[in-house]
């Protein structure tokens, strides 16, 4: 298990990588229609859900260790 100080740093990093995958999946080629498009939509929802499951606990853990300004800075640095 990660120490309390590192959890809020690692989870947003992983959530951001998933957000990149999700954003890339939103722009799909027009050739995907019907069943393939529905399958792609479900995959995007699954990625968004996992990202949410990482981001929410990270914010909760982070608020116990860091101030709001520090937590926001960590999130912005993790996204760059």
N, C-alpha and C. Protein backbone atom coordinates (compact mmCIF):
# COMPACT_ATOMS: atom_id res chain seq x y z
N UNK A 1 0.84 -1.18 0.00
CA UNK A 1 0.00 0.00 0.00
C UNK A 1 0.89 1.24 0.00
N UNK A 2 0.46 2.24 -0.71
CA UNK A 2 1.22 3.49 -0.78
C UNK A 2 1.08 4.29 0.51
N UNK A 3 2.12 5.03 0.88
CA UNK A 3 1.99 5.93 2.02
C UNK A 3 0.92 7.00 1.74
N UNK A 4 0.35 7.53 2.80
CA UNK A 4 -0.75 8.51 2.67
C UNK A 4 -0.37 9.72 1.82
N UNK A 5 0.89 10.13 1.87
CA UNK A 5 1.30 11.31 1.12
C UNK A 5 1.31 11.07 -0.38
N UNK A 6 1.52 9.83 -0.81
CA UNK A 6 1.65 9.54 -2.24
C UNK A 6 0.36 9.13 -2.92
N UNK A 7 -0.62 8.68 -2.18
CA UNK A 7 -1.90 8.28 -2.79
C UNK A 7 -2.54 9.40 -3.60
N UNK A 8 -2.62 10.64 -3.06
CA UNK A 8 -3.26 11.69 -3.85
C UNK A 8 -2.45 12.09 -5.08
N UNK A 9 -1.20 11.67 -5.16
CA UNK A 9 -0.38 12.00 -6.32
C UNK A 9 -0.52 10.92 -7.39
N UNK A 10 -0.50 9.67 -6.99
CA UNK A 10 -0.55 8.56 -7.95
C UNK A 10 -1.93 8.38 -8.58
N UNK A 11 -2.96 8.50 -7.80
CA UNK A 11 -4.31 8.27 -8.33
C UNK A 11 -4.71 9.29 -9.40
N UNK A 12 -4.50 10.61 -9.20
CA UNK A 12 -4.85 11.53 -10.28
C UNK A 12 -4.01 11.31 -11.53
N UNK A 13 -2.78 10.88 -11.36
CA UNK A 13 -1.93 10.58 -12.52
C UNK A 13 -2.55 9.44 -13.34
N UNK A 14 -2.94 8.40 -12.65
CA UNK A 14 -3.58 7.27 -13.35
C UNK A 14 -4.92 7.68 -13.94
N UNK A 15 -5.68 8.49 -13.21
CA UNK A 15 -6.98 8.97 -13.72
C UNK A 15 -6.78 9.82 -14.96
N UNK A 16 -5.72 10.62 -14.99
CA UNK A 16 -5.47 11.47 -16.14
C UNK A 16 -5.09 10.64 -17.36
N UNK A 17 -4.32 9.59 -17.16
CA UNK A 17 -3.96 8.71 -18.28
C UNK A 17 -5.23 8.05 -18.84
N UNK A 18 -6.13 7.67 -17.96
CA UNK A 18 -7.39 7.10 -18.42
C UNK A 18 -8.24 8.15 -19.14
N UNK A 19 -8.18 9.40 -18.69
CA UNK A 19 -8.91 10.47 -19.36
C UNK A 19 -8.40 10.65 -20.79
N UNK A 20 -7.10 10.52 -20.98
CA UNK A 20 -6.53 10.62 -22.34
C UNK A 20 -7.07 9.50 -23.22
N UNK A 21 -7.16 8.28 -22.67
CA UNK A 21 -7.72 7.16 -23.42
C UNK A 21 -9.18 7.43 -23.74
N UNK A 22 -9.91 7.95 -22.77
CA UNK A 22 -11.33 8.24 -22.96
C UNK A 22 -11.51 9.31 -24.03
N UNK A 23 -10.71 10.37 -23.98
CA UNK A 23 -10.82 11.44 -24.97
C UNK A 23 -10.49 10.94 -26.37
N UNK A 24 -9.51 10.06 -26.48
CA UNK A 24 -9.17 9.50 -27.79
C UNK A 24 -10.30 8.62 -28.31
N UNK A 25 -11.02 7.96 -27.43
CA UNK A 25 -12.12 7.11 -27.85
C UNK A 25 -13.36 7.88 -28.27
N UNK A 26 -13.52 9.09 -27.77
CA UNK A 26 -14.70 9.89 -28.11
C UNK A 26 -14.67 10.27 -29.58
N UNK A 27 -13.51 10.54 -30.12
CA UNK A 27 -13.37 10.91 -31.52
C UNK A 27 -13.15 9.63 -32.30
N UNK A 28 -14.23 9.01 -32.70
CA UNK A 28 -14.10 7.74 -33.42
C UNK A 28 -14.39 7.96 -34.91
N UNK A 29 -13.85 7.10 -35.72
CA UNK A 29 -14.06 7.25 -37.16
C UNK A 29 -15.53 7.02 -37.53
N UNK A 30 -15.99 7.67 -38.59
CA UNK A 30 -17.40 7.51 -38.99
C UNK A 30 -17.74 6.08 -39.44
N UNK A 31 -16.73 5.27 -39.72
CA UNK A 31 -16.99 3.90 -40.17
C UNK A 31 -17.62 3.05 -39.07
N UNK A 32 -17.43 3.42 -37.81
CA UNK A 32 -18.02 2.65 -36.71
C UNK A 32 -19.49 3.01 -36.58
N UNK A 33 -20.33 2.06 -36.87
CA UNK A 33 -21.77 2.27 -36.76
C UNK A 33 -22.40 1.01 -36.20
N UNK A 34 -23.61 1.16 -35.72
CA UNK A 34 -24.35 0.00 -35.23
C UNK A 34 -23.76 -0.59 -33.97
N UNK A 35 -23.53 -1.90 -34.01
CA UNK A 35 -23.05 -2.63 -32.84
C UNK A 35 -21.66 -2.20 -32.40
N UNK A 36 -20.79 -1.90 -33.37
CA UNK A 36 -19.43 -1.47 -33.02
C UNK A 36 -19.46 -0.13 -32.28
N UNK A 37 -20.34 0.76 -32.69
CA UNK A 37 -20.45 2.06 -32.03
C UNK A 37 -20.98 1.90 -30.61
N UNK A 38 -21.97 1.03 -30.43
CA UNK A 38 -22.51 0.79 -29.09
C UNK A 38 -21.46 0.17 -28.18
N UNK A 39 -20.68 -0.76 -28.72
CA UNK A 39 -19.61 -1.37 -27.94
C UNK A 39 -18.56 -0.33 -27.56
N UNK A 40 -18.25 0.56 -28.49
CA UNK A 40 -17.31 1.64 -28.21
C UNK A 40 -17.83 2.58 -27.14
N UNK A 41 -19.13 2.87 -27.19
CA UNK A 41 -19.74 3.74 -26.18
C UNK A 41 -19.66 3.10 -24.80
N UNK A 42 -19.91 1.83 -24.72
CA UNK A 42 -19.82 1.13 -23.42
C UNK A 42 -18.39 1.12 -22.90
N UNK A 43 -17.45 0.95 -23.80
CA UNK A 43 -16.05 0.99 -23.41
C UNK A 43 -15.65 2.35 -22.86
N UNK A 44 -16.14 3.42 -23.51
CA UNK A 44 -15.86 4.77 -23.04
C UNK A 44 -16.47 5.01 -21.67
N UNK A 45 -17.68 4.52 -21.46
CA UNK A 45 -18.31 4.65 -20.15
C UNK A 45 -17.53 3.89 -19.08
N UNK A 46 -17.02 2.72 -19.42
CA UNK A 46 -16.24 1.93 -18.47
C UNK A 46 -14.95 2.67 -18.10
N UNK A 47 -14.29 3.26 -19.08
CA UNK A 47 -13.06 4.02 -18.80
C UNK A 47 -13.38 5.22 -17.94
N UNK A 48 -14.47 5.94 -18.24
CA UNK A 48 -14.85 7.11 -17.44
C UNK A 48 -15.18 6.70 -16.00
N UNK A 49 -15.83 5.57 -15.83
CA UNK A 49 -16.18 5.10 -14.49
C UNK A 49 -14.92 4.77 -13.67
N UNK A 50 -13.97 4.08 -14.30
CA UNK A 50 -12.73 3.74 -13.59
C UNK A 50 -11.97 5.01 -13.24
N UNK A 51 -11.96 5.97 -14.17
CA UNK A 51 -11.30 7.25 -13.90
C UNK A 51 -11.95 7.94 -12.69
N UNK A 52 -13.27 7.94 -12.63
CA UNK A 52 -14.00 8.53 -11.52
C UNK A 52 -13.66 7.81 -10.21
N UNK A 53 -13.57 6.47 -10.28
CA UNK A 53 -13.24 5.68 -9.09
C UNK A 53 -11.83 5.95 -8.58
N UNK A 54 -10.94 6.44 -9.43
CA UNK A 54 -9.61 6.82 -8.99
C UNK A 54 -9.57 8.26 -8.48
N UNK A 55 -10.31 9.14 -9.14
CA UNK A 55 -10.23 10.57 -8.82
C UNK A 55 -10.91 10.91 -7.49
N UNK A 56 -12.05 10.33 -7.22
CA UNK A 56 -12.79 10.68 -6.00
C UNK A 56 -12.04 10.28 -4.73
N UNK A 57 -11.55 9.05 -4.61
CA UNK A 57 -10.77 8.73 -3.40
C UNK A 57 -9.50 9.55 -3.29
N UNK A 58 -8.89 9.87 -4.43
CA UNK A 58 -7.67 10.69 -4.40
C UNK A 58 -7.97 12.06 -3.79
N UNK A 59 -9.10 12.64 -4.15
CA UNK A 59 -9.47 13.93 -3.57
C UNK A 59 -9.76 13.80 -2.08
N UNK A 60 -10.39 12.72 -1.69
CA UNK A 60 -10.71 12.50 -0.27
C UNK A 60 -9.42 12.30 0.54
N UNK A 61 -8.54 11.45 0.03
CA UNK A 61 -7.26 11.21 0.71
C UNK A 61 -6.41 12.47 0.73
N UNK A 62 -6.43 13.18 -0.38
CA UNK A 62 -5.61 14.39 -0.48
C UNK A 62 -6.04 15.48 0.47
N UNK A 63 -7.35 15.61 0.69
CA UNK A 63 -7.83 16.67 1.59
C UNK A 63 -7.43 16.40 3.04
N UNK A 64 -7.11 15.15 3.37
CA UNK A 64 -6.68 14.82 4.72
C UNK A 64 -5.19 15.14 4.92
N UNK A 65 -4.44 15.23 3.84
CA UNK A 65 -2.99 15.41 3.93
C UNK A 65 -2.55 16.80 3.47
N UNK A 66 -3.17 17.29 2.39
CA UNK A 66 -2.75 18.54 1.76
C UNK A 66 -3.85 19.60 1.86
N UNK A 67 -3.45 20.86 1.71
CA UNK A 67 -4.44 21.95 1.64
C UNK A 67 -5.09 21.92 0.25
N UNK A 68 -6.16 22.67 0.08
CA UNK A 68 -6.85 22.71 -1.21
C UNK A 68 -5.93 23.22 -2.31
N UNK A 69 -5.17 24.27 -2.04
CA UNK A 69 -4.27 24.82 -3.04
C UNK A 69 -3.18 23.82 -3.42
N UNK A 70 -2.65 23.11 -2.44
CA UNK A 70 -1.62 22.11 -2.73
C UNK A 70 -2.20 20.96 -3.56
N UNK A 71 -3.40 20.53 -3.22
CA UNK A 71 -4.03 19.44 -3.94
C UNK A 71 -4.31 19.83 -5.39
N UNK A 72 -4.79 21.04 -5.61
CA UNK A 72 -5.05 21.52 -6.97
C UNK A 72 -3.75 21.60 -7.76
N UNK A 73 -2.68 22.05 -7.13
CA UNK A 73 -1.38 22.13 -7.80
C UNK A 73 -0.90 20.74 -8.19
N UNK A 74 -1.05 19.77 -7.29
CA UNK A 74 -0.66 18.39 -7.59
C UNK A 74 -1.45 17.87 -8.78
N UNK A 75 -2.75 18.14 -8.81
CA UNK A 75 -3.58 17.67 -9.92
C UNK A 75 -3.15 18.30 -11.24
N UNK A 76 -2.83 19.58 -11.24
CA UNK A 76 -2.42 20.25 -12.45
C UNK A 76 -1.06 19.75 -12.94
N UNK A 77 -0.15 19.50 -12.01
CA UNK A 77 1.17 18.98 -12.39
C UNK A 77 1.04 17.56 -12.92
N UNK A 78 0.16 16.78 -12.33
CA UNK A 78 -0.05 15.40 -12.80
C UNK A 78 -0.62 15.38 -14.20
N UNK A 79 -1.36 16.40 -14.57
CA UNK A 79 -1.98 16.46 -15.91
C UNK A 79 -1.03 16.95 -16.97
N UNK A 80 0.10 17.48 -16.59
CA UNK A 80 1.01 18.02 -17.60
C UNK A 80 2.02 17.00 -18.07
